[in-house]
Every structure is written in C-alpha cells, then in structure tokens.
Amino acid sequence: MLTSTAYEDSLLSFWPRVRDFAVPPTMIETATVRRRHGDWAGACAAAGFDIDFDLRSLTRTHGRELVSRVRSDLRHLAPDLLRWHMPRVAPDGLLRPGLTVTLARYDRAGRDGVHPVHLVARTPPAWADGGQRIGLALWDGAPGAFRDRFSFDTGARRHPHPRPSRWYRFDLHRHLWDTRRTGELRVRCGADLPTGGARPGSADPPGPVPGDLGCAVGRWADEAGILLRDEGRTAGTVTVRLGARRRLLLELAADPAGAGPPVLRTVTAPAGGGDGLTVPALPDAATWVLPDLALIRAGVIGAERLHPLVAPALVPGHTPAGPEGNADPAGVPRLVECRGADHRIGLVDGVLVPLDHDPAEIRREELLVALTGTPLPCLRAIDEAHRRPHCLPGVRERLRHGDTAGALAVVEALLGPDAVLRDGALRDELQEAALRRVTYGLFRAGLTGPAADRVRPGRVRPRDHRSHPRETTRR
C-alpha cells in the first residue's frame, strides 16, 4: 500500500508540471496554424524541431517514390503533438536524453541493403539538452547514417544512440504524431476499459505484474498482436520492460476454446533483461497507462489543459477553448506599503519604477543605498523583483523546457522590456539558459563533446542505474 501511495503521489505531481510547461499553448497555436497552411517546416520550427535532412538530396539517393512518402508523412506530422507524447524523465520532466525514436518505416532498404529507411526523432545527450530541441532525421541503417543538409555532420555522428530504439517505436503508434490517426488514441490508450485496466470478461493479468506500476495490462494482448503482425506473425513471444532491471516474456497464443481473442500467458520472468534481442519488444507507449488518461481519471487536470488533439479523444464532447487573455496585464500598478502609505510601482517607458516618488528623491535614495544605507520599501520591492521575483519558479521551469519566449514574456511583464537585470537568481537563470543553448549549438556543429563512438566523461555513467537521477520514471 505504501508503494502504491508513493507511486501515485509521484505520478500526480510529476506530469501536471510537464503539461503546464513542456508544450506551451503558444507553441501549439503557432505550430497548428503553420501545419494547416501546409508549412510543415515552419510547424517544426515553432515546436522546437531541427530538420536534419534535405528532401532534394534524398531524391538523388533514394528516388522520388520514397521522397513522396516522406513528404506525405511530414505534411501530416503534428510536431507539437509529438513533443507532447515524447518520453520524459524525472525529476524535471525533461525529454529523455540521447534517444532515437522511429516515427515511420519505409520498405526501401538503406545503403547496407538490410535495414529499411526510418524517419526518426532524436534527442541530444543530457549535457547538450539546452532548449529541449528535437532533431528530425532519416536513418538508413549504415554506420552513422543520419542524412542531413550537412551530409553526415559531426554532431549527428556523435549522437550516443544513433540506431532507433526498440523500446520506443512510434511507427506502431502513429496516433501520437500523425494527424490522420489521432482518432485512434482513445482505443489504443484503453480509455474505454475499466479503471483497473482489464478487458471485460478477460482473465487475470499475465504474470506477476504489481498493480501499483501503472501498467496498461488490459491492452497488452492487442498491442502484442499489432507488434507481431508487424513482424509478419500472428502469434509468438514478446518481451515487456517494466523498469531498468525487470523484464517479462509473454506468449501470445490463440484462445484454447477457439472462441475468444488471442490471450497472453507468461513464459518466464527473467531478472536483469535476459530476454535477448531476438524477441520483439512491446513499445513503451503500449506498456504503461497514458499519463493524460491517469491524470484525467484522478481528477488532477481538466480537459482544457490537454493538447487540443488529445482532449477530444479522452473527454468525448469536449470543445477546445480559444486562447485566454492576460488576466494580469503588465500595465496595472502594484501596491507597496511605504512610509505608512500604499505606493504604486509600475512600468514607465519600459522600466519598472516607483510612481509616487519624484526623480530627485529617487536619486537621493539611490545615493544613500550606495553608501550602505537602508533603501525605501518601493526601491526594495523593485530590487527584489530584479533579483528574486515571485515568478522565478515559473521562469525557471519554462527555461528548462526550452520555452525561452514564454520566460522572457513573464520577465518583461514584470520588469518591462527595457529593464536591465541586476545581479541575482533571475539573471543567473537566464544566463545559464543561454549557455546551455550555446552548448547545444556547438554539439550540433560537432565542435564540442566526446569523439565519435566515445562516452563523455562524467560523474555518472549511462548504465549506472543505481545512482542515475533520471531513471526514476518510465516515460
């Protein structure tokens, strides 16, 4: 019971913050408008995606037929929806670093003649994740095979995991990014199933699956069937990953009575991932309950806080509302108790100033402060707003998730667009965010980081799960 309570508390406190800051409404609105006008590249730019290939170069290497299929998928790609569903890690809800996710696979083989061409989304390593950018690339199976406008740029070759992950496959879950398939979300996430997750009339969950893990057990049989059909089979064994060191091997077989749908039964439950690479892996999106569904069922968030393409599927009949106006306009003066009276501070010519003190008095008080005197309460309030404002946690969250425009909008609404920041926590956060973006740019250009096929030295190694702070969540 204690484990269940701890898990629920972690889930219900972690994902609401992600939904508030990771994909801001302004990003969704801008990307949606550009996508609806046919500007898929502009939609990707608005959603924080970097395009790492050139369709004209792809025509010369892979032919017009493949380019036509890629272009069709790009025109129906909702990059803001893809960012919404991308795997994330604790404690800050940032994108899972160093990940390559397959969005679509094309039948034509790549340069090695074995692997098909993949349209993939990739996240940078943790040390270069400033701005939370996502790269959109094409992988064709050859070593270091990221085709882009720079023709195998160094930054792409230094990606820690260039091959598509077998645990994160959005090509089997196109409803998570393809606008033509978003209507499938309700069925695929199990929103029609009971809260416990089991199908009506189905047997008990296969194997020793604790109920407090948030597994979508009721969907495993159907999702395993989809996975095996993609492999060209109707029955077989699949592996399910329930954590960094736990696996389940499940066999999908026909109903013994011959009247019902295929059923899953446990083959073994090896410790430490002894299932090997030959068994198809159930994708992460099919393993766990959709976070939005869990939040809606718990009553933690309402449909108005969901993505416009997600809310109608989880809450039938919900109509997305238009953008809300600013409830706290920057032009409204704020009151400060100063010398026994309520004084106003507000924006004048783009700078936060005290409105009830004349310039001569302000100059005298500033000279007194320079001589280690005690400033007026109005001046103290302005100084506190520059150094550690009340909106600092929100600004920090926005910067960590790459919403620089949103963070600057909050700062400008508080201090004015022409204000010069003073030394303090707010300025430090903005400078740190700028440096992280510079590091990401250097990584993209191949000017920093470890050499190709090398691991960047650091305190924590990638496979040290005992002390890794970002392996505490599943998605």
Protein backbone atom coordinates (compact mmCIF):
# COMPACT_ATOMS: atom_id res chain seq x y z
CA MET A 1 0.00 0.00 0.00
CA LEU A 2 2.87 2.32 0.82
CA THR A 3 4.45 1.66 -2.59
CA SER A 4 1.17 2.35 -4.34
CA THR A 5 0.69 5.62 -2.46
CA ALA A 6 4.23 6.76 -3.23
CA TYR A 7 3.84 5.90 -6.91
CA GLU A 8 0.52 7.71 -7.24
CA ASP A 9 1.88 10.79 -5.48
CA SER A 10 4.91 10.84 -7.79
CA LEU A 11 2.78 10.43 -10.91
CA LEU A 12 0.21 13.05 -9.96
CA SER A 13 2.86 15.62 -9.01
CA PHE A 14 5.26 14.97 -11.89
CA TRP A 15 3.07 15.04 -15.00
CA PRO A 16 0.91 18.13 -14.25
CA ARG A 17 4.05 20.27 -14.21
CA VAL A 18 5.12 18.72 -17.51
CA ARG A 19 1.74 19.50 -19.05
CA ASP A 20 1.94 23.10 -17.83
CA PHE A 21 5.40 23.96 -19.13
CA ALA A 22 6.76 21.39 -21.61
CA VAL A 23 4.47 22.28 -24.55
CA PRO A 24 3.15 25.84 -24.02
CA PRO A 25 -0.13 26.92 -25.65
CA THR A 26 1.64 29.50 -27.81
CA MET A 27 3.77 26.73 -29.34
CA ILE A 28 0.69 24.61 -30.05
CA GLU A 29 -1.17 27.53 -31.65
CA THR A 30 1.72 28.62 -33.86
CA ALA A 31 2.62 25.09 -34.97
CA THR A 32 -1.04 24.28 -35.70
CA VAL A 33 -1.57 27.37 -37.87
CA ARG A 34 1.58 26.68 -39.91
CA ARG A 35 0.75 22.99 -40.30
CA ARG A 36 -2.77 23.73 -41.52
CA HIS A 37 -1.33 26.06 -44.15
CA GLY A 38 0.97 23.32 -45.43
CA ASP A 39 4.17 24.70 -43.91
CA TRP A 40 5.45 21.57 -42.19
CA ALA A 41 8.96 23.00 -41.82
CA GLY A 42 7.56 26.14 -40.16
CA ALA A 43 5.48 23.98 -37.81
CA CYS A 44 8.60 22.04 -36.84
CA ALA A 45 10.48 25.27 -36.19
CA ALA A 46 7.65 26.56 -33.99
CA ALA A 47 7.66 23.30 -31.98
CA GLY A 48 11.43 23.32 -31.40
CA PHE A 49 12.46 20.76 -34.04
CA ASP A 50 15.63 20.82 -36.13
CA ILE A 51 15.38 19.30 -39.62
CA ASP A 52 18.46 17.19 -40.32
CA PHE A 53 17.85 16.22 -43.95
CA ASP A 54 17.15 17.73 -47.34
CA LEU A 55 14.38 16.22 -49.48
CA ARG A 56 16.13 17.19 -52.72
CA SER A 57 19.26 15.32 -51.68
CA LEU A 58 17.09 12.40 -50.62
CA THR A 59 15.60 12.28 -54.14
CA ARG A 60 19.05 11.73 -55.63
CA THR A 61 19.93 8.96 -53.18
CA HIS A 62 16.63 7.11 -52.67
CA GLY A 63 14.34 8.09 -55.52
CA ARG A 64 11.13 10.06 -55.93
CA GLU A 65 8.79 7.36 -54.62
CA LEU A 66 10.39 7.33 -51.18
CA VAL A 67 10.55 11.13 -51.08
CA SER A 68 6.84 11.29 -51.89
CA ARG A 69 6.03 9.03 -48.93
CA VAL A 70 8.29 11.00 -46.59
CA ARG A 71 6.78 14.31 -47.72
CA SER A 72 3.26 12.97 -47.14
CA ASP A 73 4.14 11.97 -43.58
CA LEU A 74 5.79 15.33 -42.91
CA ARG A 75 2.70 17.20 -44.08
CA HIS A 76 0.59 15.29 -41.57
CA LEU A 77 3.16 15.47 -38.77
CA ALA A 78 1.98 17.47 -35.74
CA PRO A 79 5.35 18.26 -34.11
CA ASP A 80 3.72 19.84 -31.06
CA LEU A 81 1.72 16.63 -30.53
CA LEU A 82 4.89 14.56 -30.93
CA ARG A 83 6.66 16.73 -28.34
CA TRP A 84 3.63 16.24 -26.06
CA HIS A 85 4.00 12.44 -26.18
CA MET A 86 7.80 12.14 -26.24
CA PRO A 87 9.31 10.06 -23.39
CA ARG A 88 10.38 12.10 -20.39
CA VAL A 89 12.41 11.57 -17.23
CA ALA A 90 12.31 12.73 -13.63
CA PRO A 91 12.71 14.91 -11.69
CA ASP A 92 12.12 17.86 -14.02
CA GLY A 93 10.11 16.17 -16.78
CA LEU A 94 12.72 16.87 -19.43
CA LEU A 95 12.93 14.87 -22.65
CA ARG A 96 14.65 11.52 -22.25
CA PRO A 97 18.19 12.31 -23.45
CA GLY A 98 20.13 10.50 -26.15
CA LEU A 99 17.07 8.78 -27.61
CA THR A 100 16.24 7.87 -31.21
CA VAL A 101 12.54 7.16 -31.83
CA THR A 102 11.21 5.69 -35.08
CA LEU A 103 8.22 7.63 -36.44
CA ALA A 104 7.80 5.77 -39.74
CA ARG A 105 9.50 2.97 -41.65
CA TYR A 106 9.71 2.73 -45.42
CA ASP A 107 10.05 -0.53 -47.31
CA ARG A 108 13.00 0.53 -49.40
CA ALA A 109 16.25 -0.78 -47.90
CA GLY A 110 19.02 1.58 -46.89
CA ARG A 111 22.58 1.70 -48.06
CA ASP A 112 23.54 -1.51 -46.27
CA GLY A 113 20.77 -3.37 -48.09
CA VAL A 114 19.27 -4.73 -44.87
CA HIS A 115 17.62 -2.04 -42.77
CA PRO A 116 14.66 -0.07 -44.16
CA VAL A 117 14.75 3.70 -44.13
CA HIS A 118 13.42 5.20 -40.89
CA LEU A 119 12.02 8.66 -40.22
CA VAL A 120 13.25 9.27 -36.67
CA ALA A 121 13.10 11.88 -33.94
CA ARG A 122 16.18 12.15 -31.77
CA THR A 123 17.00 13.98 -28.55
CA PRO A 124 20.50 15.24 -27.71
CA PRO A 125 22.53 13.83 -24.80
CA ALA A 126 21.84 15.23 -21.35
CA TRP A 127 24.89 17.50 -21.35
CA ALA A 128 23.68 19.24 -24.54
CA ASP A 129 19.92 19.34 -23.98
CA GLY A 130 19.67 23.12 -23.65
CA GLY A 131 16.46 24.37 -25.22
CA GLN A 132 14.99 20.84 -25.28
CA ARG A 133 15.33 20.69 -29.05
CA ILE A 134 14.38 17.59 -31.03
CA GLY A 135 16.05 16.55 -34.28
CA LEU A 136 14.10 15.10 -37.20
CA ALA A 137 16.31 12.84 -39.32
CA LEU A 138 16.41 9.87 -41.69
CA TRP A 139 18.25 6.70 -40.72
CA ASP A 140 19.05 4.11 -43.37
CA GLY A 141 20.97 1.51 -41.40
CA ALA A 142 24.51 2.38 -42.39
CA PRO A 143 27.05 3.25 -39.66
CA GLY A 144 26.50 6.85 -38.63
CA ALA A 145 23.73 7.04 -41.22
CA PHE A 146 21.98 10.29 -40.41
CA ARG A 147 21.41 12.08 -43.67
CA ASP A 148 21.12 15.82 -43.32
CA ARG A 149 21.84 19.04 -45.13
CA PHE A 150 25.46 18.91 -43.96
CA SER A 151 25.96 15.40 -45.38
CA PHE A 152 26.87 13.40 -42.27
CA ASP A 153 27.65 16.31 -39.95
CA THR A 154 29.81 15.56 -36.94
CA GLY A 155 27.09 16.34 -34.42
CA ALA A 156 24.80 13.65 -35.85
CA ARG A 157 27.57 11.06 -35.90
CA ARG A 158 28.34 11.77 -32.24
CA HIS A 159 24.80 11.02 -31.13
CA PRO A 160 25.12 8.50 -28.26
CA HIS A 161 22.44 6.15 -29.65
CA PRO A 162 22.10 6.67 -33.41
CA ARG A 163 20.15 3.45 -34.00
CA PRO A 164 16.37 3.57 -33.44
CA SER A 165 15.40 2.26 -30.02
CA ARG A 166 13.46 -1.00 -29.92
CA TRP A 167 11.61 0.16 -26.78
CA TYR A 168 10.29 3.42 -28.24
CA ARG A 169 8.55 2.84 -31.56
CA PHE A 170 6.10 5.47 -32.67
CA ASP A 171 5.76 3.81 -36.07
CA LEU A 172 3.41 1.39 -34.31
CA HIS A 173 1.69 4.31 -32.56
CA ARG A 174 1.21 6.85 -35.31
CA HIS A 175 -1.74 8.34 -33.44
CA LEU A 176 0.83 10.01 -31.19
CA TRP A 177 2.06 12.27 -34.01
CA ASP A 178 0.10 11.71 -37.24
CA THR A 179 -2.99 13.94 -37.61
CA ARG A 180 -4.62 11.30 -39.82
CA ARG A 181 -4.62 8.80 -36.93
CA THR A 182 -5.34 10.88 -33.81
CA GLY A 183 -8.83 9.41 -33.59
CA GLU A 184 -7.27 6.06 -32.60
CA LEU A 185 -5.93 7.42 -29.31
CA ARG A 186 -8.98 6.57 -27.21
CA VAL A 187 -8.93 2.90 -28.20
CA ARG A 188 -5.16 2.48 -28.21
CA CYS A 189 -4.71 4.00 -24.74
CA GLY A 190 -7.52 1.92 -23.23
CA ALA A 191 -9.75 4.83 -22.24
CA ASP A 192 -12.83 2.64 -22.79
CA LEU A 193 -11.55 -0.04 -20.42
CA PRO A 194 -12.40 -0.07 -16.70
CA THR A 195 -10.13 1.85 -14.34
CA GLY A 196 -8.38 -1.36 -13.33
CA GLY A 197 -7.20 -1.83 -16.92
CA ALA A 198 -8.64 -5.27 -17.66
CA ARG A 199 -10.93 -6.02 -20.58
CA PRO A 200 -14.47 -7.11 -19.70
CA GLY A 201 -14.53 -10.89 -19.43
CA SER A 202 -10.74 -11.23 -19.69
CA ALA A 203 -8.57 -13.33 -17.46
CA ASP A 204 -6.26 -12.05 -14.74
CA PRO A 205 -3.22 -10.01 -15.80
CA PRO A 206 -0.44 -12.21 -17.17
CA GLY A 207 2.40 -12.89 -14.82
CA PRO A 208 3.40 -11.20 -11.56
CA VAL A 209 2.55 -7.63 -12.52
CA PRO A 210 2.11 -5.41 -9.42
CA GLY A 211 -0.99 -3.27 -9.64
CA ASP A 212 0.85 -0.15 -8.49
CA LEU A 213 3.14 0.07 -11.52
CA GLY A 214 0.56 1.73 -13.77
CA CYS A 215 0.78 -0.96 -16.45
CA ALA A 216 -1.80 -0.96 -19.25
CA VAL A 217 -2.30 -4.72 -18.86
CA GLY A 218 -5.71 -4.63 -20.50
CA ARG A 219 -4.14 -3.52 -23.79
CA TRP A 220 -1.11 -5.83 -23.80
CA ALA A 221 -2.72 -8.63 -25.79
CA ASP A 222 -3.98 -6.32 -28.55
CA GLU A 223 -0.72 -4.36 -28.66
CA ALA A 224 1.30 -7.59 -28.78
CA GLY A 225 -0.82 -8.66 -31.74
CA ILE A 226 -0.06 -5.40 -33.54
CA LEU A 227 3.65 -5.85 -32.82
CA LEU A 228 3.74 -9.44 -34.06
CA ARG A 229 1.75 -8.64 -37.19
CA ASP A 230 4.35 -6.00 -37.98
CA GLU A 231 6.90 -8.81 -37.73
CA GLY A 232 4.82 -10.93 -40.13
CA ARG A 233 3.44 -13.30 -37.47
CA THR A 234 0.08 -13.87 -35.80
CA ALA A 235 1.40 -15.45 -32.60
CA GLY A 236 4.65 -15.63 -30.71
CA THR A 237 6.60 -14.25 -27.77
CA VAL A 238 7.12 -10.63 -26.82
CA THR A 239 9.15 -9.03 -24.07
CA VAL A 240 7.82 -6.31 -21.78
CA ARG A 241 10.14 -3.96 -19.92
CA LEU A 242 8.81 -2.91 -16.51
CA GLY A 243 11.89 -0.99 -15.41
CA ALA A 244 15.62 -0.75 -15.80
CA ARG A 245 16.20 -4.30 -14.48
CA ARG A 246 12.92 -6.13 -14.94
CA ARG A 247 11.52 -7.96 -17.97
CA LEU A 248 8.55 -10.19 -18.67
CA LEU A 249 8.38 -12.70 -21.51
CA LEU A 250 4.79 -13.18 -22.66
CA GLU A 251 3.44 -15.54 -25.29
CA LEU A 252 0.50 -14.55 -27.47
CA ALA A 253 -1.47 -17.65 -28.37
CA ALA A 254 -4.91 -18.50 -29.66
CA ASP A 255 -7.72 -18.95 -27.17
CA PRO A 256 -7.80 -22.67 -26.16
CA ALA A 257 -11.57 -22.66 -26.55
CA GLY A 258 -11.19 -21.23 -30.02
CA ALA A 259 -13.96 -18.67 -29.49
CA GLY A 260 -12.25 -15.66 -27.99
CA PRO A 261 -9.40 -13.34 -28.95
CA PRO A 262 -5.76 -14.36 -28.50
CA VAL A 263 -4.56 -14.48 -24.91
CA LEU A 264 -1.25 -13.70 -23.26
CA ARG A 265 0.43 -16.07 -20.87
CA THR A 266 3.72 -15.74 -19.05
CA VAL A 267 6.68 -17.71 -20.36
CA THR A 268 9.21 -16.60 -17.77
CA ALA A 269 10.17 -13.54 -15.79
CA PRO A 270 13.94 -13.24 -16.12
CA ALA A 271 15.86 -10.85 -13.91
CA GLY A 272 18.24 -8.41 -15.47
CA GLY A 273 16.89 -8.47 -19.02
CA GLY A 274 17.82 -11.96 -20.14
CA ASP A 275 15.32 -11.96 -22.98
CA GLY A 276 17.86 -11.17 -25.67
CA LEU A 277 17.50 -9.06 -28.77
CA THR A 278 15.68 -11.63 -30.89
CA VAL A 279 12.32 -11.33 -29.13
CA PRO A 280 10.13 -8.42 -30.28
CA ALA A 281 9.82 -5.76 -27.59
CA LEU A 282 6.47 -4.26 -26.62
CA PRO A 283 6.87 -0.49 -27.12
CA ASP A 284 6.93 1.72 -24.07
CA ALA A 285 3.79 3.57 -25.20
CA ALA A 286 1.88 0.26 -25.12
CA THR A 287 3.30 -0.86 -21.78
CA TRP A 288 2.09 1.93 -19.50
CA VAL A 289 -1.15 3.79 -18.94
CA LEU A 290 -1.16 7.06 -20.87
CA PRO A 291 -0.22 9.82 -18.38
CA ASP A 292 -3.03 12.08 -19.59
CA LEU A 293 -5.56 9.31 -19.02
CA ALA A 294 -4.27 8.71 -15.49
CA LEU A 295 -4.44 12.44 -14.69
CA ILE A 296 -7.96 12.77 -16.07
CA ARG A 297 -9.18 9.74 -14.12
CA ALA A 298 -7.63 11.08 -10.92
CA GLY A 299 -9.22 14.48 -11.46
CA VAL A 300 -5.86 16.24 -11.25
CA ILE A 301 -6.22 18.19 -14.51
CA GLY A 302 -9.15 19.11 -16.69
CA ALA A 303 -9.61 18.63 -20.41
CA GLU A 304 -8.80 22.29 -21.03
CA ARG A 305 -5.18 21.64 -20.01
CA LEU A 306 -4.71 18.83 -22.54
CA HIS A 307 -3.44 19.13 -26.08
CA PRO A 308 -6.28 20.04 -28.50
CA LEU A 309 -5.72 16.77 -30.38
CA VAL A 310 -5.72 14.72 -27.17
CA ALA A 311 -8.65 16.21 -25.24
CA PRO A 312 -11.45 15.12 -27.65
CA ALA A 313 -10.23 11.51 -27.53
CA LEU A 314 -10.03 11.27 -23.74
CA VAL A 315 -13.02 13.51 -22.95
CA PRO A 316 -15.64 12.98 -25.68
CA GLY A 317 -17.67 16.07 -26.41
CA HIS A 318 -15.01 18.46 -25.19
CA THR A 319 -14.52 21.51 -27.41
CA PRO A 320 -11.11 23.20 -27.12
CA ALA A 321 -11.49 26.80 -25.99
CA GLY A 322 -9.78 29.73 -27.65
CA PRO A 323 -6.71 31.43 -26.22
CA GLU A 324 -7.33 33.15 -22.92
CA GLY A 325 -6.50 36.78 -22.38
CA ASN A 326 -3.90 38.02 -19.94
CA ALA A 327 -5.57 38.11 -16.52
CA ASP A 328 -2.77 40.21 -15.02
CA PRO A 329 -1.82 42.89 -17.57
CA ALA A 330 1.57 44.49 -17.13
CA GLY A 331 0.10 48.00 -17.12
CA VAL A 332 -1.67 47.57 -13.76
CA PRO A 333 0.40 49.22 -10.98
CA ARG A 334 1.34 47.16 -7.95
CA LEU A 335 0.96 48.49 -4.41
CA VAL A 336 3.77 48.57 -1.84
CA GLU A 337 3.46 49.79 1.75
CA CYS A 338 6.00 52.61 2.02
CA ARG A 339 6.27 55.13 4.89
CA GLY A 340 2.82 54.32 6.20
CA ALA A 341 1.05 54.63 2.84
CA ASP A 342 0.32 52.48 -0.17
CA HIS A 343 2.63 53.48 -3.00
CA ARG A 344 2.46 52.33 -6.61
CA ILE A 345 5.21 50.77 -8.71
CA GLY A 346 4.66 50.22 -12.42
CA LEU A 347 6.14 50.36 -15.90
CA VAL A 348 7.16 53.73 -17.34
CA ASP A 349 8.94 53.79 -20.71
CA GLY A 350 9.57 50.06 -20.45
CA VAL A 351 11.16 50.13 -16.97
CA LEU A 352 9.74 49.31 -13.52
CA VAL A 353 9.83 52.48 -11.39
CA PRO A 354 8.17 53.87 -8.24
CA LEU A 355 5.28 56.10 -9.30
CA ASP A 356 4.78 58.06 -6.05
CA HIS A 357 8.34 59.36 -5.62
CA ASP A 358 9.80 62.23 -7.63
CA PRO A 359 13.09 61.70 -9.53
CA ALA A 360 15.09 63.88 -7.12
CA GLU A 361 14.01 61.79 -4.15
CA ILE A 362 14.84 58.60 -6.00
CA ARG A 363 18.35 59.88 -6.80
CA ARG A 364 18.93 60.75 -3.13
CA GLU A 365 17.73 57.34 -2.01
CA GLU A 366 19.91 55.54 -4.56
CA LEU A 367 22.95 57.51 -3.33
CA LEU A 368 22.04 56.54 0.24
CA VAL A 369 21.90 52.88 -0.77
CA ALA A 370 25.31 53.19 -2.42
CA LEU A 371 26.62 54.40 0.94
CA THR A 372 25.18 51.26 2.64
CA GLY A 373 22.01 52.95 3.77
CA THR A 374 18.55 51.40 4.01
CA PRO A 375 16.53 51.90 0.82
CA LEU A 376 12.88 52.84 0.60
CA PRO A 377 10.38 49.96 0.59
CA CYS A 378 9.48 50.86 -3.00
CA LEU A 379 13.11 50.54 -4.07
CA ARG A 380 13.46 47.30 -2.11
CA ALA A 381 10.43 45.87 -3.92
CA ILE A 382 11.92 46.80 -7.30
CA ASP A 383 15.29 45.34 -6.37
CA GLU A 384 13.62 42.11 -5.20
CA ALA A 385 11.73 41.90 -8.49
CA HIS A 386 15.03 42.13 -10.39
CA ARG A 387 16.93 39.66 -8.25
CA ARG A 388 14.42 37.07 -6.99
CA PRO A 389 10.88 37.77 -8.19
CA HIS A 390 7.85 35.75 -7.14
CA CYS A 391 7.60 34.35 -10.68
CA LEU A 392 11.14 32.88 -10.58
CA PRO A 393 9.99 29.20 -10.26
CA GLY A 394 7.77 29.58 -13.32
CA VAL A 395 10.55 31.26 -15.29
CA ARG A 396 12.96 28.52 -14.29
CA GLU A 397 10.53 25.77 -15.41
CA ARG A 398 9.96 27.47 -18.77
CA LEU A 399 13.68 27.84 -19.39
CA ARG A 400 14.38 24.21 -18.55
CA HIS A 401 11.73 23.08 -21.03
CA GLY A 402 13.05 25.37 -23.76
CA ASP A 403 10.24 27.96 -23.65
CA THR A 404 12.56 30.95 -23.81
CA ALA A 405 9.94 33.20 -25.39
CA GLY A 406 7.47 32.42 -22.59
CA ALA A 407 10.07 33.04 -19.89
CA LEU A 408 11.07 36.39 -21.41
CA ALA A 409 7.40 37.37 -21.72
CA VAL A 410 6.95 36.80 -17.98
CA VAL A 411 10.07 38.82 -17.17
CA GLU A 412 9.08 41.69 -19.46
CA ALA A 413 5.58 41.78 -17.99
CA LEU A 414 7.15 42.14 -14.54
CA LEU A 415 10.13 44.44 -15.16
CA GLY A 416 9.43 45.96 -18.57
CA PRO A 417 11.03 45.23 -21.95
CA ASP A 418 13.80 47.84 -21.49
CA ALA A 419 14.83 46.88 -17.96
CA VAL A 420 18.47 45.97 -17.23
CA LEU A 421 18.65 42.95 -14.95
CA ARG A 422 20.65 43.25 -11.76
CA ASP A 423 22.81 40.51 -10.27
CA GLY A 424 20.70 37.81 -8.71
CA ALA A 425 18.93 34.49 -9.21
CA LEU A 426 16.82 35.69 -12.15
CA ARG A 427 19.81 36.91 -14.13
CA ASP A 428 21.73 33.73 -13.29
CA GLU A 429 18.90 31.56 -14.62
CA LEU A 430 18.73 33.48 -17.90
CA GLN A 431 22.50 33.37 -18.36
CA GLU A 432 22.60 29.65 -17.62
CA ALA A 433 19.85 29.00 -20.16
CA ALA A 434 21.76 30.99 -22.78
CA LEU A 435 24.93 28.99 -22.11
CA ARG A 436 23.00 25.72 -22.43
CA ARG A 437 21.72 26.82 -25.82
CA VAL A 438 25.27 27.67 -26.89
CA THR A 439 26.40 24.20 -25.80
CA TYR A 440 23.63 22.63 -27.85
CA GLY A 441 24.65 24.66 -30.89
CA LEU A 442 28.26 23.53 -30.50
CA PHE A 443 27.09 19.93 -30.21
CA ARG A 444 25.06 20.27 -33.40
CA ALA A 445 28.07 21.72 -35.18
CA GLY A 446 30.36 18.98 -33.86
CA LEU A 447 32.58 21.45 -32.03
CA THR A 448 32.22 20.03 -28.53
CA GLY A 449 31.65 16.74 -26.78
CA PRO A 450 33.39 13.37 -26.96
CA ALA A 451 34.79 11.92 -30.14
CA ALA A 452 32.67 9.62 -32.28
CA ASP A 453 31.64 6.37 -30.50
CA ARG A 454 33.04 7.64 -27.21
CA VAL A 455 31.21 8.32 -23.94
CA ARG A 456 31.52 11.77 -22.44
CA PRO A 457 33.39 11.51 -19.12
CA GLY A 458 31.35 12.46 -16.10
CA ARG A 459 30.27 11.60 -12.60
CA VAL A 460 27.51 9.20 -13.73
CA ARG A 461 27.93 6.62 -16.45
CA PRO A 462 24.94 5.95 -18.77
CA ARG A 463 24.36 2.42 -17.46
CA ASP A 464 24.89 3.20 -13.78
CA HIS A 465 21.19 2.82 -12.83
CA ARG A 466 21.97 2.74 -9.14
CA SER A 467 22.65 6.47 -8.92
CA HIS A 468 21.21 7.87 -12.15
CA PRO A 469 18.63 10.54 -11.14
CA ARG A 470 16.73 10.29 -14.43
CA GLU A 471 15.86 6.61 -14.36
CA THR A 472 13.06 7.05 -11.82
CA THR A 473 10.21 7.29 -14.35
CA ARG A 474 9.20 5.06 -17.18
CA ARG A 475 8.40 7.56 -19.96
